[in-house]
Every structure is written in C-alpha cells, then in structure tokens.
Amino acid sequence: MDVIDLSNIAFSLCGVTWPRGKEPYADEAFELLRQTILHTKVEVLLDTVDGDGYFIGTLLASNTHVAIPLLQAGLAKLEENFPKAYSTEFNNAQKYAREEKLKIWETYVETS
C-alpha cells in the first residue's frame, strides 16, 4: 500500500472562521479542533483550492462536521458562504454560543 504524507497540507473549513495566531482564544480553538479529530476517523471533502494554495472544504469526524463543536463553544463563527447542508446545526450551535455570550461572543450585543 502506498502512503501519502499529508502533514504539510494547509486546509481551511469552508464557511467558518475562528481565532488564529495571537488572537484571543486561538489556542483554545486549535486544542478543541485537535481533540475533536484526534484518534478519530476523519473524512475530508474538498471544495476548492484558494489562491494561496489552501485546500478549502468540509472536515467530518465520526460523521459530524468539526465546526459544530467550535461554533457551540463560541470559538468560531459563520461566514456568509457556509455549507447549507449543515445550516440547522451550524445556526443552532452559533445561536447557543451567542446567547450564552461564550468566548468570541462575550461582548456581543444583539441589534434589532
């Protein structure tokens, strides 16, 4: 069996953004993502490659989109182009974090 080393591939979740680098909660978001996929069979669904060479798509762990725990913990937020196949789960997870003012939503003020 041939093995392909994928350790240096840059991958970004389609439609979701989360803190990175030195931003607040970046380490916590990375750790939650790592724990979500560690020792778990994952499925990668590629949508495209951006101009910087990042693969963009969907990452499933145990048939669950890995963005859902990030959204629910307040460690990610939806972009306008999020995958509509996960609309209900994504919106519910983000709504919960926003209402509970978790992490990146701690200073959120709803406007009417």
N, C-alpha and C. Protein backbone atom coordinates (compact mmCIF):
# COMPACT_ATOMS: atom_id res chain seq x y z
N MET A 1 0.85 -1.17 0.00
CA MET A 1 0.00 0.00 0.00
C MET A 1 0.89 1.24 0.00
N ASP A 2 0.57 2.21 -0.85
CA ASP A 2 1.29 3.47 -0.88
C ASP A 2 0.73 4.40 0.18
N VAL A 3 1.60 5.17 0.79
CA VAL A 3 1.19 6.13 1.81
C VAL A 3 1.58 7.52 1.32
N ILE A 4 0.66 8.44 1.42
CA ILE A 4 0.91 9.82 1.03
C ILE A 4 1.02 10.65 2.29
N ASP A 5 2.10 11.40 2.42
CA ASP A 5 2.30 12.26 3.58
C ASP A 5 1.51 13.55 3.39
N LEU A 6 0.49 13.73 4.21
CA LEU A 6 -0.36 14.91 4.13
C LEU A 6 -0.11 15.88 5.27
N SER A 7 1.00 15.72 5.96
CA SER A 7 1.24 16.52 7.17
C SER A 7 1.49 18.00 6.89
N ASN A 8 1.83 18.35 5.67
CA ASN A 8 2.11 19.75 5.37
C ASN A 8 1.07 20.40 4.48
N ILE A 9 -0.13 19.88 4.50
CA ILE A 9 -1.20 20.44 3.68
C ILE A 9 -1.96 21.48 4.49
N ALA A 10 -2.18 22.63 3.90
CA ALA A 10 -2.94 23.69 4.55
C ALA A 10 -4.41 23.51 4.19
N PHE A 11 -5.25 23.38 5.20
CA PHE A 11 -6.68 23.12 4.99
C PHE A 11 -7.48 24.13 5.81
N SER A 12 -8.52 24.65 5.20
CA SER A 12 -9.40 25.59 5.89
C SER A 12 -10.84 25.12 5.75
N LEU A 13 -11.60 25.27 6.83
CA LEU A 13 -13.01 24.88 6.79
C LEU A 13 -13.81 25.91 6.00
N CYS A 14 -14.60 25.43 5.10
CA CYS A 14 -15.44 26.29 4.27
C CYS A 14 -16.53 26.95 5.12
N GLY A 15 -16.61 28.27 5.05
CA GLY A 15 -17.73 28.99 5.65
C GLY A 15 -17.64 29.27 7.13
N VAL A 16 -16.51 28.93 7.74
CA VAL A 16 -16.36 29.13 9.18
C VAL A 16 -15.01 29.80 9.44
N THR A 17 -15.00 30.74 10.35
CA THR A 17 -13.75 31.37 10.74
C THR A 17 -13.57 31.24 12.24
N TRP A 18 -12.33 31.14 12.67
CA TRP A 18 -12.04 31.02 14.10
C TRP A 18 -10.75 31.75 14.39
N PRO A 19 -10.49 32.05 15.67
CA PRO A 19 -9.27 32.78 16.03
C PRO A 19 -8.02 31.99 15.66
N ARG A 20 -7.02 32.73 15.20
CA ARG A 20 -5.75 32.10 14.81
C ARG A 20 -4.60 32.95 15.32
N GLY A 21 -3.43 32.36 15.32
CA GLY A 21 -2.22 33.09 15.69
C GLY A 21 -2.28 33.62 17.11
N LYS A 22 -2.12 34.92 17.26
CA LYS A 22 -2.10 35.56 18.58
C LYS A 22 -3.47 36.10 19.00
N GLU A 23 -4.50 35.83 18.20
CA GLU A 23 -5.83 36.32 18.54
C GLU A 23 -6.33 35.64 19.81
N PRO A 24 -7.19 36.34 20.58
CA PRO A 24 -7.77 35.70 21.76
C PRO A 24 -8.49 34.41 21.39
N TYR A 25 -8.33 33.41 22.20
CA TYR A 25 -8.96 32.09 22.07
C TYR A 25 -8.39 31.22 20.96
N ALA A 26 -7.33 31.66 20.29
CA ALA A 26 -6.75 30.87 19.19
C ALA A 26 -6.25 29.52 19.69
N ASP A 27 -5.53 29.51 20.79
CA ASP A 27 -5.01 28.25 21.32
C ASP A 27 -6.14 27.31 21.73
N GLU A 28 -7.16 27.87 22.35
CA GLU A 28 -8.29 27.07 22.79
C GLU A 28 -9.06 26.48 21.60
N ALA A 29 -9.23 27.28 20.56
CA ALA A 29 -9.92 26.79 19.35
C ALA A 29 -9.12 25.66 18.70
N PHE A 30 -7.81 25.86 18.59
CA PHE A 30 -6.96 24.83 18.00
C PHE A 30 -7.02 23.55 18.82
N GLU A 31 -6.97 23.68 20.14
CA GLU A 31 -6.99 22.49 21.00
C GLU A 31 -8.32 21.74 20.90
N LEU A 32 -9.42 22.48 20.84
CA LEU A 32 -10.72 21.82 20.68
C LEU A 32 -10.80 21.09 19.34
N LEU A 33 -10.32 21.72 18.29
CA LEU A 33 -10.30 21.07 16.99
C LEU A 33 -9.42 19.82 17.02
N ARG A 34 -8.26 19.95 17.64
CA ARG A 34 -7.34 18.81 17.74
C ARG A 34 -7.98 17.66 18.50
N GLN A 35 -8.61 17.96 19.62
CA GLN A 35 -9.26 16.92 20.42
C GLN A 35 -10.44 16.29 19.67
N THR A 36 -11.11 17.07 18.84
CA THR A 36 -12.24 16.56 18.08
C THR A 36 -11.81 15.53 17.04
N ILE A 37 -10.64 15.72 16.46
CA ILE A 37 -10.21 14.82 15.38
C ILE A 37 -9.15 13.80 15.81
N LEU A 38 -8.57 13.98 16.99
CA LEU A 38 -7.51 13.08 17.46
C LEU A 38 -8.03 11.65 17.61
N HIS A 39 -7.32 10.71 17.04
CA HIS A 39 -7.65 9.28 17.12
C HIS A 39 -9.06 8.98 16.60
N THR A 40 -9.48 9.75 15.63
CA THR A 40 -10.81 9.59 15.05
C THR A 40 -10.68 9.47 13.54
N LYS A 41 -11.49 8.63 12.96
CA LYS A 41 -11.52 8.55 11.51
C LYS A 41 -12.16 9.84 10.99
N VAL A 42 -11.47 10.51 10.10
CA VAL A 42 -12.00 11.76 9.55
C VAL A 42 -12.23 11.60 8.05
N GLU A 43 -13.16 12.38 7.57
CA GLU A 43 -13.47 12.42 6.15
C GLU A 43 -13.28 13.86 5.68
N VAL A 44 -12.52 14.03 4.63
CA VAL A 44 -12.25 15.36 4.08
C VAL A 44 -12.97 15.48 2.74
N LEU A 45 -13.78 16.50 2.62
CA LEU A 45 -14.49 16.78 1.37
C LEU A 45 -13.95 18.10 0.83
N LEU A 46 -13.19 18.04 -0.24
CA LEU A 46 -12.57 19.24 -0.78
C LEU A 46 -13.52 19.97 -1.71
N ASP A 47 -13.60 21.29 -1.53
CA ASP A 47 -14.42 22.13 -2.39
C ASP A 47 -13.57 22.83 -3.44
N THR A 48 -12.45 23.39 -2.99
CA THR A 48 -11.62 24.18 -3.89
C THR A 48 -10.24 24.38 -3.28
N VAL A 49 -9.39 25.04 -4.03
CA VAL A 49 -8.08 25.48 -3.54
C VAL A 49 -8.02 26.97 -3.80
N ASP A 50 -7.68 27.75 -2.76
CA ASP A 50 -7.65 29.20 -2.95
C ASP A 50 -6.33 29.65 -3.59
N GLY A 51 -6.20 30.93 -3.81
CA GLY A 51 -5.03 31.48 -4.48
C GLY A 51 -3.73 31.29 -3.72
N ASP A 52 -3.81 31.06 -2.40
CA ASP A 52 -2.62 30.84 -1.59
C ASP A 52 -2.27 29.36 -1.46
N GLY A 53 -3.04 28.50 -2.11
CA GLY A 53 -2.77 27.07 -2.06
C GLY A 53 -3.43 26.33 -0.91
N TYR A 54 -4.33 27.00 -0.20
CA TYR A 54 -5.07 26.35 0.88
C TYR A 54 -6.20 25.51 0.30
N PHE A 55 -6.31 24.29 0.77
CA PHE A 55 -7.44 23.46 0.43
C PHE A 55 -8.61 23.91 1.29
N ILE A 56 -9.77 24.08 0.69
CA ILE A 56 -10.95 24.54 1.41
C ILE A 56 -12.04 23.50 1.25
N GLY A 57 -12.66 23.14 2.37
CA GLY A 57 -13.70 22.13 2.29
C GLY A 57 -14.31 21.81 3.64
N THR A 58 -14.81 20.60 3.73
CA THR A 58 -15.51 20.11 4.91
C THR A 58 -14.68 19.02 5.57
N LEU A 59 -14.66 19.03 6.88
CA LEU A 59 -13.95 18.01 7.64
C LEU A 59 -14.94 17.37 8.61
N LEU A 60 -15.16 16.08 8.43
CA LEU A 60 -16.09 15.34 9.29
C LEU A 60 -15.31 14.40 10.18
N ALA A 61 -15.68 14.36 11.45
CA ALA A 61 -15.12 13.40 12.41
C ALA A 61 -16.29 12.64 12.99
N SER A 62 -16.28 11.34 12.84
CA SER A 62 -17.40 10.50 13.29
C SER A 62 -18.72 11.00 12.71
N ASN A 63 -18.70 11.35 11.44
CA ASN A 63 -19.88 11.83 10.70
C ASN A 63 -20.45 13.15 11.21
N THR A 64 -19.67 13.89 11.97
CA THR A 64 -20.10 15.20 12.47
C THR A 64 -19.14 16.26 11.94
N HIS A 65 -19.67 17.34 11.44
CA HIS A 65 -18.83 18.43 10.95
C HIS A 65 -18.04 19.00 12.13
N VAL A 66 -16.73 19.12 11.99
CA VAL A 66 -15.89 19.55 13.11
C VAL A 66 -16.12 21.00 13.51
N ALA A 67 -16.79 21.77 12.68
CA ALA A 67 -17.07 23.16 13.03
C ALA A 67 -18.15 23.27 14.10
N ILE A 68 -19.00 22.26 14.23
CA ILE A 68 -20.12 22.35 15.17
C ILE A 68 -19.65 22.52 16.61
N PRO A 69 -18.71 21.71 17.12
CA PRO A 69 -18.25 21.96 18.49
C PRO A 69 -17.55 23.31 18.65
N LEU A 70 -16.84 23.75 17.61
CA LEU A 70 -16.19 25.07 17.67
C LEU A 70 -17.23 26.18 17.76
N LEU A 71 -18.26 26.09 16.93
CA LEU A 71 -19.33 27.10 16.96
C LEU A 71 -20.05 27.09 18.30
N GLN A 72 -20.35 25.92 18.80
CA GLN A 72 -21.10 25.80 20.05
C GLN A 72 -20.30 26.30 21.25
N ALA A 73 -18.99 26.18 21.19
CA ALA A 73 -18.14 26.64 22.29
C ALA A 73 -17.83 28.13 22.19
N GLY A 74 -18.32 28.78 21.14
CA GLY A 74 -18.02 30.20 20.96
C GLY A 74 -16.61 30.44 20.46
N LEU A 75 -16.05 29.45 19.79
CA LEU A 75 -14.68 29.55 19.29
C LEU A 75 -14.62 29.67 17.77
N ALA A 76 -15.76 29.90 17.15
CA ALA A 76 -15.82 30.08 15.70
C ALA A 76 -17.11 30.83 15.38
N LYS A 77 -17.15 31.37 14.17
CA LYS A 77 -18.39 31.99 13.72
C LYS A 77 -18.57 31.74 12.24
N LEU A 78 -19.81 31.80 11.84
CA LEU A 78 -20.16 31.50 10.46
C LEU A 78 -19.82 32.67 9.54
N GLU A 79 -19.42 32.32 8.34
CA GLU A 79 -19.28 33.29 7.27
C GLU A 79 -20.52 33.17 6.40
N GLU A 80 -20.70 34.10 5.49
CA GLU A 80 -21.88 34.07 4.64
C GLU A 80 -21.94 32.83 3.75
N ASN A 81 -20.80 32.28 3.39
CA ASN A 81 -20.76 31.17 2.44
C ASN A 81 -20.66 29.80 3.11
N PHE A 82 -21.23 29.65 4.31
CA PHE A 82 -21.11 28.36 4.98
C PHE A 82 -21.93 27.30 4.26
N PRO A 83 -21.53 26.03 4.41
CA PRO A 83 -22.22 24.94 3.70
C PRO A 83 -23.68 24.82 4.15
N LYS A 84 -24.59 25.00 3.23
CA LYS A 84 -26.02 24.99 3.56
C LYS A 84 -26.50 23.61 4.01
N ALA A 85 -25.77 22.56 3.69
CA ALA A 85 -26.15 21.22 4.13
C ALA A 85 -26.14 21.11 5.66
N TYR A 86 -25.40 22.01 6.31
CA TYR A 86 -25.30 21.99 7.77
C TYR A 86 -25.98 23.21 8.39
N SER A 87 -26.86 23.83 7.66
CA SER A 87 -27.47 25.09 8.07
C SER A 87 -28.10 25.02 9.46
N THR A 88 -28.93 24.04 9.72
CA THR A 88 -29.61 23.95 11.02
C THR A 88 -28.62 23.75 12.15
N GLU A 89 -27.71 22.79 12.00
CA GLU A 89 -26.74 22.50 13.05
C GLU A 89 -25.83 23.70 13.30
N PHE A 90 -25.34 24.31 12.23
CA PHE A 90 -24.45 25.47 12.37
C PHE A 90 -25.16 26.63 13.05
N ASN A 91 -26.36 26.96 12.56
CA ASN A 91 -27.09 28.09 13.13
C ASN A 91 -27.45 27.86 14.59
N ASN A 92 -27.87 26.65 14.93
CA ASN A 92 -28.21 26.35 16.33
C ASN A 92 -26.98 26.44 17.23
N ALA A 93 -25.85 25.93 16.77
CA ALA A 93 -24.63 25.97 17.56
C ALA A 93 -24.17 27.41 17.78
N GLN A 94 -24.18 28.21 16.72
CA GLN A 94 -23.75 29.60 16.86
C GLN A 94 -24.74 30.40 17.71
N LYS A 95 -26.01 30.14 17.53
CA LYS A 95 -27.03 30.85 18.32
C LYS A 95 -26.84 30.58 19.81
N TYR A 96 -26.57 29.33 20.15
CA TYR A 96 -26.34 28.97 21.55
C TYR A 96 -25.15 29.75 22.12
N ALA A 97 -24.03 29.75 21.41
CA ALA A 97 -22.83 30.44 21.88
C ALA A 97 -23.06 31.94 22.00
N ARG A 98 -23.77 32.49 21.04
CA ARG A 98 -24.05 33.93 21.05
C ARG A 98 -24.96 34.29 22.23
N GLU A 99 -26.02 33.50 22.44
CA GLU A 99 -26.95 33.78 23.54
C GLU A 99 -26.29 33.61 24.91
N GLU A 100 -25.37 32.65 25.01
CA GLU A 100 -24.67 32.41 26.27
C GLU A 100 -23.45 33.32 26.43
N LYS A 101 -23.17 34.11 25.38
CA LYS A 101 -22.02 35.03 25.36
C LYS A 101 -20.70 34.30 25.65
N LEU A 102 -20.53 33.19 24.94
CA LEU A 102 -19.33 32.38 25.11
C LEU A 102 -18.18 32.91 24.25
N LYS A 103 -17.01 32.96 24.84
CA LYS A 103 -15.74 33.28 24.18
C LYS A 103 -15.83 34.48 23.24
N ILE A 104 -15.78 34.25 21.92
CA ILE A 104 -15.75 35.37 20.98
C ILE A 104 -17.04 36.18 20.99
N TRP A 105 -18.08 35.64 21.60
CA TRP A 105 -19.36 36.33 21.66
C TRP A 105 -19.57 37.06 23.00
N GLU A 106 -18.56 37.08 23.87
CA GLU A 106 -18.75 37.62 25.22
C GLU A 106 -19.16 39.09 25.24
N THR A 107 -18.81 39.85 24.22
CA THR A 107 -19.19 41.27 24.19
C THR A 107 -20.26 41.55 23.14
N TYR A 108 -20.84 40.51 22.59
CA TYR A 108 -21.84 40.66 21.53
C TYR A 108 -23.09 41.33 22.08
N VAL A 109 -23.57 42.31 21.34
CA VAL A 109 -24.83 42.98 21.67
C VAL A 109 -25.73 42.84 20.45
N GLU A 110 -26.87 42.21 20.65
CA GLU A 110 -27.79 42.00 19.54
C GLU A 110 -28.45 43.31 19.16
N THR A 111 -28.48 43.55 17.86
CA THR A 111 -29.16 44.74 17.35
C THR A 111 -30.47 44.31 16.71
N SER A 112 -31.45 45.17 16.83
CA SER A 112 -32.76 44.80 16.27
C SER A 112 -33.01 45.40 14.93
